[in-house]
Amino acid sequence: MADTFYDRKELSALSDQKLLELLFDCCRISEAESLAADIIARHGDLASAACSDVSSDDNVLALLRLIPALSRSSTGAAPRKASLSEPEKAFSYFRKRLAGAQYERFTAAAADEKLVCSAAMPCISGTRSSVIVSCRQVVSFALSSGCDILFIAHSHPVGGPSPSQDDIDLTASLISILRPLGIILADHIIIAENSAFSMRRSCGKDLFGDDAPEGYRL
């Protein structure tokens, strides 16, 4: 399995579940595929799994904790933060977080004034055709991150990336709640299997009004 992935794909293109399968296979952990699927189902993504509580006998999640530290030790620097300065860069960032699952997932990213991601919200998982997200959850993350600019995104594992009316309504509600708090909703990105959608690019002022993050190139 490891040889197949190394030969055919860049590691950055793999979903979180496939990355876990590859890791477990390299470590000779049995039932790598089912174990990876179970971890992603329980935690949503790699970042959430690595930040979860680890019991003394949970060697698998403890292994995930070691990886960022080993990476920093070998490079001498913190992991590079993603630029979200245009929809295509946001597509790439959120595709790595959301693609590959068989169910819809939702996340958000806080950004600084240069549109560099400064914090990410743990993924919320749903069903094959929907994911339930409350404005309270998103606003709580935005406030706790201390950001002035926020991106939200979700996946469509079935069909194309066009937004539903519920997607548009959630976006409009968040804009109205965040605006008085001094937080700009930069974009709502939808990731499908082979395409992506930017609500900011498509809907513009009709949905987002006059609030726009400086430097976000459409």
Protein backbone atom coordinates (compact mmCIF):
# COMPACT_ATOMS: atom_id res chain seq x y z
CA MET A 1 0.00 0.00 0.00
CA ALA A 2 2.73 2.47 0.91
CA ASP A 3 4.57 1.93 -2.38
CA THR A 4 1.36 2.53 -4.35
CA PHE A 5 0.69 5.87 -2.69
CA TYR A 6 4.27 7.08 -2.96
CA ASP A 7 4.40 6.21 -6.65
CA ARG A 8 1.04 7.59 -7.76
CA LYS A 9 0.21 10.62 -5.63
CA GLU A 10 1.78 13.49 -3.79
CA LEU A 11 1.16 13.06 -0.08
CA SER A 12 -0.49 16.49 0.10
CA ALA A 13 -3.23 15.27 -2.24
CA LEU A 14 -4.32 12.44 0.04
CA SER A 15 -7.34 12.66 2.31
CA ASP A 16 -6.87 12.49 6.07
CA GLN A 17 -8.12 8.91 6.12
CA LYS A 18 -5.70 7.82 3.39
CA LEU A 19 -2.82 9.51 5.19
CA LEU A 20 -3.71 7.60 8.34
CA GLU A 21 -3.91 4.34 6.42
CA LEU A 22 -0.46 5.00 4.96
CA LEU A 23 0.98 5.87 8.38
CA PHE A 24 -0.45 2.75 10.03
CA ASP A 25 0.71 0.56 7.15
CA CYS A 26 4.26 1.94 7.41
CA CYS A 27 4.19 1.31 11.17
CA ARG A 28 2.96 -2.25 10.59
CA ILE A 29 -0.24 -1.58 12.51
CA SER A 30 -2.82 -4.25 11.70
CA GLU A 31 -6.19 -3.42 10.10
CA ALA A 32 -4.91 -0.02 8.99
CA GLU A 33 -7.89 0.76 6.77
CA SER A 34 -10.63 0.07 9.32
CA LEU A 35 -8.66 1.75 12.12
CA ALA A 36 -8.15 4.92 10.05
CA ALA A 37 -11.84 4.99 9.10
CA ASP A 38 -12.86 4.64 12.75
CA ILE A 39 -10.58 7.50 13.89
CA ILE A 40 -11.85 9.87 11.19
CA ALA A 41 -15.46 8.91 11.93
CA ARG A 42 -14.97 9.65 15.63
CA HIS A 43 -12.89 12.81 15.39
CA GLY A 44 -13.66 14.30 11.95
CA ASP A 45 -10.09 14.92 10.80
CA LEU A 46 -6.44 14.40 11.66
CA ALA A 47 -6.06 17.71 13.48
CA SER A 48 -8.98 16.95 15.81
CA ALA A 49 -7.73 13.42 16.46
CA ALA A 50 -4.24 14.68 17.32
CA CYS A 51 -5.69 17.22 19.76
CA SER A 52 -8.08 14.77 21.46
CA ASP A 53 -7.62 13.36 24.94
CA VAL A 54 -5.27 10.38 24.87
CA SER A 55 -5.56 7.57 27.40
CA SER A 56 -2.48 5.77 28.64
CA ASP A 57 -3.23 2.71 26.47
CA ASP A 58 -4.16 4.56 23.27
CA ASN A 59 -0.88 4.17 21.41
CA VAL A 60 -2.38 5.08 18.03
CA LEU A 61 -3.52 8.59 19.02
CA ALA A 62 -0.31 9.05 21.00
CA LEU A 63 1.55 8.37 17.75
CA LEU A 64 -0.36 11.19 16.05
CA ARG A 65 0.76 13.56 18.81
CA LEU A 66 4.40 12.83 18.01
CA ILE A 67 4.27 13.71 14.32
CA PRO A 68 4.07 17.55 14.53
CA ALA A 69 6.83 17.63 17.13
CA LEU A 70 9.07 15.41 14.99
CA SER A 71 8.40 17.59 11.95
CA ARG A 72 9.31 20.77 13.82
CA SER A 73 12.48 19.16 15.17
CA SER A 74 13.63 18.10 11.71
CA THR A 75 12.91 21.42 9.99
CA GLY A 76 13.72 23.80 12.84
CA ALA A 77 10.55 25.79 12.18
CA ALA A 78 6.82 25.72 12.83
CA PRO A 79 4.58 24.31 10.07
CA ARG A 80 3.91 26.82 7.27
CA LYS A 81 0.57 28.57 7.56
CA ALA A 82 -1.72 28.63 4.53
CA SER A 83 -2.47 31.77 2.54
CA LEU A 84 -6.17 32.34 1.83
CA SER A 85 -5.69 35.43 -0.33
CA GLU A 86 -7.83 34.20 -3.24
CA PRO A 87 -10.55 31.56 -3.79
CA GLU A 88 -8.17 29.10 -5.50
CA LYS A 89 -5.88 29.09 -2.45
CA ALA A 90 -8.89 28.65 -0.19
CA PHE A 91 -10.05 25.75 -2.40
CA SER A 92 -6.68 24.04 -1.95
CA TYR A 93 -6.59 24.60 1.82
CA PHE A 94 -10.11 23.39 2.48
CA ARG A 95 -9.88 20.48 0.05
CA LYS A 96 -7.06 19.05 2.17
CA ARG A 97 -9.27 19.33 5.26
CA LEU A 98 -12.59 18.20 3.81
CA ALA A 99 -12.15 15.99 0.76
CA GLY A 100 -12.15 12.21 0.87
CA ALA A 101 -14.92 11.60 3.41
CA GLN A 102 -18.15 9.83 2.45
CA TYR A 103 -20.25 12.36 4.40
CA GLU A 104 -20.54 16.13 4.47
CA ARG A 105 -18.14 18.00 6.73
CA PHE A 106 -18.02 21.63 7.83
CA THR A 107 -15.13 23.70 9.13
CA ALA A 108 -13.99 27.30 9.51
CA ALA A 109 -10.66 29.09 9.40
CA ALA A 110 -9.61 32.28 11.15
CA ALA A 111 -7.29 34.55 9.19
CA ASP A 112 -5.09 37.52 10.02
CA GLU A 113 -4.99 40.84 8.17
CA LYS A 114 -2.74 39.31 5.51
CA LEU A 115 -5.29 36.52 4.92
CA VAL A 116 -3.02 33.87 6.39
CA CYS A 117 -4.79 31.14 8.32
CA SER A 118 -4.20 31.51 12.04
CA ALA A 119 -6.55 28.89 13.47
CA ALA A 120 -8.87 26.14 12.23
CA MET A 121 -12.15 24.94 13.64
CA PRO A 122 -12.43 21.16 14.17
CA CYS A 123 -14.50 19.56 11.43
CA ILE A 124 -18.19 18.87 12.07
CA SER A 125 -19.44 15.71 10.38
CA GLY A 126 -22.89 15.06 8.96
CA THR A 127 -24.55 12.62 6.57
CA ARG A 128 -24.07 11.93 2.87
CA SER A 129 -26.27 14.90 1.97
CA SER A 130 -26.21 17.34 4.88
CA VAL A 131 -24.33 18.62 7.90
CA ILE A 132 -26.01 20.49 10.75
CA VAL A 133 -24.10 23.56 11.93
CA SER A 134 -25.31 26.20 14.36
CA CYS A 135 -24.32 29.85 14.11
CA ARG A 136 -23.40 29.62 17.79
CA GLN A 137 -20.66 27.08 17.06
CA VAL A 138 -19.12 29.19 14.32
CA VAL A 139 -19.33 32.47 16.22
CA SER A 140 -17.84 30.84 19.31
CA PHE A 141 -14.85 29.70 17.27
CA ALA A 142 -14.44 33.14 15.66
CA LEU A 143 -14.47 34.89 19.02
CA SER A 144 -12.14 32.40 20.69
CA SER A 145 -9.63 32.77 17.84
CA GLY A 146 -9.68 36.56 18.16
CA CYS A 147 -9.86 36.95 14.39
CA ASP A 148 -11.14 39.85 12.29
CA ILE A 149 -11.56 37.69 9.16
CA LEU A 150 -13.29 34.33 8.97
CA PHE A 151 -13.71 31.71 6.24
CA ILE A 152 -16.25 28.90 6.40
CA ALA A 153 -16.35 25.81 4.20
CA HIS A 154 -18.14 22.53 3.79
CA SER A 155 -18.00 19.53 1.48
CA HIS A 156 -20.44 17.97 -0.96
CA PRO A 157 -19.38 14.32 -1.29
CA VAL A 158 -22.38 13.76 -3.56
CA GLY A 159 -23.08 15.98 -6.59
CA GLY A 160 -21.57 19.32 -7.52
CA PRO A 161 -20.53 22.31 -5.41
CA SER A 162 -23.57 24.55 -6.01
CA PRO A 163 -24.98 25.88 -2.72
CA SER A 164 -28.37 24.87 -1.41
CA GLN A 165 -30.81 27.39 0.01
CA ASP A 166 -29.79 26.24 3.49
CA ASP A 167 -26.15 27.00 2.62
CA ILE A 168 -27.09 30.50 1.49
CA ASP A 169 -29.27 31.09 4.56
CA LEU A 170 -26.47 30.02 6.94
CA THR A 171 -24.06 32.37 5.17
CA ALA A 172 -26.47 35.30 5.39
CA SER A 173 -27.15 34.62 9.08
CA LEU A 174 -23.46 34.49 9.94
CA ILE A 175 -22.76 37.71 8.05
CA SER A 176 -25.46 39.53 10.04
CA ILE A 177 -24.21 38.14 13.37
CA LEU A 178 -20.49 38.67 12.75
CA ARG A 179 -20.73 42.19 11.29
CA PRO A 180 -21.60 43.92 14.62
CA LEU A 181 -18.71 42.02 16.22
CA GLY A 182 -16.25 43.54 13.75
CA ILE A 183 -15.61 40.20 12.01
CA ILE A 184 -15.77 39.92 8.22
CA LEU A 185 -16.98 36.68 6.69
CA ALA A 186 -14.53 36.49 3.79
CA ASP A 187 -16.08 33.57 1.91
CA HIS A 188 -18.08 30.38 2.10
CA ILE A 189 -16.26 27.66 0.16
CA ILE A 190 -17.96 24.48 -1.02
CA ILE A 191 -15.75 21.53 -1.94
CA ALA A 192 -17.08 18.80 -4.25
CA GLU A 193 -15.19 15.76 -5.54
CA ASN A 194 -13.78 17.42 -8.66
CA SER A 195 -14.73 21.09 -8.30
CA ALA A 196 -15.18 23.91 -5.80
CA PHE A 197 -17.38 26.99 -5.35
CA SER A 198 -16.78 30.44 -3.87
CA MET A 199 -19.93 32.18 -2.65
CA ARG A 200 -18.06 35.48 -2.46
CA ARG A 201 -17.04 35.20 -6.11
CA SER A 202 -20.47 34.06 -7.28
CA CYS A 203 -22.86 36.08 -5.11
CA GLY A 204 -20.77 39.17 -4.36
CA LYS A 205 -22.55 42.12 -2.77
CA ASP A 206 -25.97 40.55 -3.22
CA LEU A 207 -25.15 38.24 -0.32
CA PHE A 208 -22.10 39.71 1.42
CA GLY A 209 -22.95 43.41 1.18
CA ASP A 210 -20.15 45.95 1.18
CA ASP A 211 -17.99 44.13 3.72
CA ALA A 212 -14.97 42.61 2.01
CA PRO A 213 -11.54 41.61 3.34
CA GLU A 214 -8.84 43.82 1.91
CA GLY A 215 -6.59 41.93 -0.48
CA TYR A 216 -8.94 39.01 -1.19
CA ARG A 217 -8.46 38.65 -4.94
CA LEU A 218 -11.54 37.39 -6.75
